[in-house]
Structures are given as C-alpha cells and as structure tokens.
C-alpha cells in the first residue's frame, strides 16, 4: 500500500486492514493514535524522515511487525499488544 493523499495518518485510519507492507511518502508528518491497529498481516512499514510526530499505540495488535535496527526513539506504548 502506498499512501499519497494527506500529511497526516489519522486515528484508527487503517485499523484492521490486511496490508503486508506500507510505504509512506515523504509528505507524511503526523501518525495519530492506533493508526494501524490490528493490521494482523503487516510485516513491514517504511516511515520517512518527514514524520515529526508518532502518537501512541500506532501498531497495537500488529503481531507480525518487526522493528528496524535504525530506530533511535520509540514513544511509550507504540507496540502495545504486540507479541
């Protein structure tokens, strides 16, 4: 899935979607609470450097997602409910 339409990913916008991979473009600045909650098949997401705010629990319940070694700061509860 390639997302192109706005500067924000809104609260629960993609909750429960069956994406395996998400590539966010350089115009995304804010990812709101639980944006990708329960995307059970999600294994990969590319977050560009343009993102200035990542809210809490955005990957809650995303049990297949792994984390990049390049991640330097993670907000509280970002992966709440993940195994």
Protein backbone atom coordinates (compact mmCIF):
# COMPACT_ATOMS: atom_id res chain seq x y z
CA UNK A 1 0.00 0.00 0.00
CA UNK A 2 1.36 3.39 -0.93
CA UNK A 3 -0.34 6.31 0.82
CA UNK A 4 -0.26 9.65 -1.04
CA UNK A 5 -3.19 11.90 -0.14
CA UNK A 6 -2.52 13.86 3.04
CA UNK A 7 0.12 14.99 5.54
CA UNK A 8 -1.45 13.01 8.39
CA UNK A 9 -2.38 9.42 9.06
CA UNK A 10 -5.45 9.77 11.28
CA UNK A 11 -6.53 7.90 14.41
CA UNK A 12 -7.51 4.29 13.57
CA UNK A 13 -7.47 5.20 9.86
CA UNK A 14 -6.23 1.78 8.76
CA UNK A 15 -7.44 -0.29 11.72
CA UNK A 16 -7.82 -3.96 10.77
CA UNK A 17 -6.61 -3.55 7.17
CA UNK A 18 -4.84 -6.59 5.70
CA UNK A 19 -1.73 -4.84 4.38
CA UNK A 20 1.55 -6.77 4.36
CA UNK A 21 3.73 -3.75 3.52
CA UNK A 22 3.23 0.00 3.80
CA UNK A 23 5.45 2.64 2.20
CA UNK A 24 4.66 6.14 3.43
CA UNK A 25 5.70 9.03 1.15
CA UNK A 26 7.82 11.99 2.19
CA UNK A 27 4.80 14.29 2.70
CA UNK A 28 3.57 12.46 5.83
CA UNK A 29 4.25 14.44 9.02
CA UNK A 30 1.96 13.03 11.73
CA UNK A 31 0.84 9.49 12.53
CA UNK A 32 -2.02 9.56 15.05
CA UNK A 33 -3.09 7.08 17.76
CA UNK A 34 -3.76 3.49 16.71
CA UNK A 35 -3.40 4.39 13.01
CA UNK A 36 -2.51 0.81 12.03
CA UNK A 37 -4.15 -1.03 14.95
CA UNK A 38 -4.79 -4.74 14.37
CA UNK A 39 -3.22 -4.88 10.92
CA UNK A 40 -2.52 -8.55 11.54
CA UNK A 41 -0.60 -9.23 8.31
CA UNK A 42 1.65 -6.15 8.46
CA UNK A 43 5.32 -7.18 8.36
CA UNK A 44 6.98 -4.03 7.02
CA UNK A 45 6.45 -0.27 7.12
CA UNK A 46 8.68 2.47 5.75
CA UNK A 47 8.40 5.70 7.77
CA UNK A 48 10.07 8.70 6.07
CA UNK A 49 12.19 11.34 7.77
CA UNK A 50 9.39 13.89 7.22
CA UNK A 51 7.41 12.32 10.10
CA UNK A 52 7.69 14.63 13.10
CA UNK A 53 5.07 13.09 15.39
CA UNK A 54 4.23 9.46 16.08
CA UNK A 55 1.40 9.04 18.56
CA UNK A 56 0.80 6.17 20.97
CA UNK A 57 -0.24 2.63 20.11
CA UNK A 58 0.04 3.07 16.34
CA UNK A 59 0.97 -0.58 15.84
CA UNK A 60 -1.19 -2.08 18.58
CA UNK A 61 -2.01 -5.69 17.72
CA UNK A 62 0.33 -5.85 14.70
CA UNK A 63 1.72 -9.24 15.66
CA UNK A 64 3.82 -9.83 12.51
CA UNK A 65 5.68 -6.48 12.52
CA UNK A 66 9.41 -6.34 13.31
CA UNK A 67 11.48 -3.26 14.17
CA UNK A 68 14.38 -1.74 12.21
CA UNK A 69 17.83 -1.50 13.78
CA UNK A 70 17.91 2.18 12.66
CA UNK A 71 15.10 3.21 15.07
CA UNK A 72 16.56 5.57 17.71
CA UNK A 73 13.49 6.72 19.68
CA UNK A 74 10.21 4.92 20.33
CA UNK A 75 7.27 6.54 22.18
CA UNK A 76 5.59 4.74 25.09
CA UNK A 77 3.08 2.04 24.13
CA UNK A 78 3.93 2.24 20.44
CA UNK A 79 3.76 -1.54 20.15
CA UNK A 80 1.23 -2.20 22.91
CA UNK A 81 -0.41 -5.60 22.49
CA UNK A 82 2.18 -6.95 20.06
CA UNK A 83 3.98 -10.20 20.67
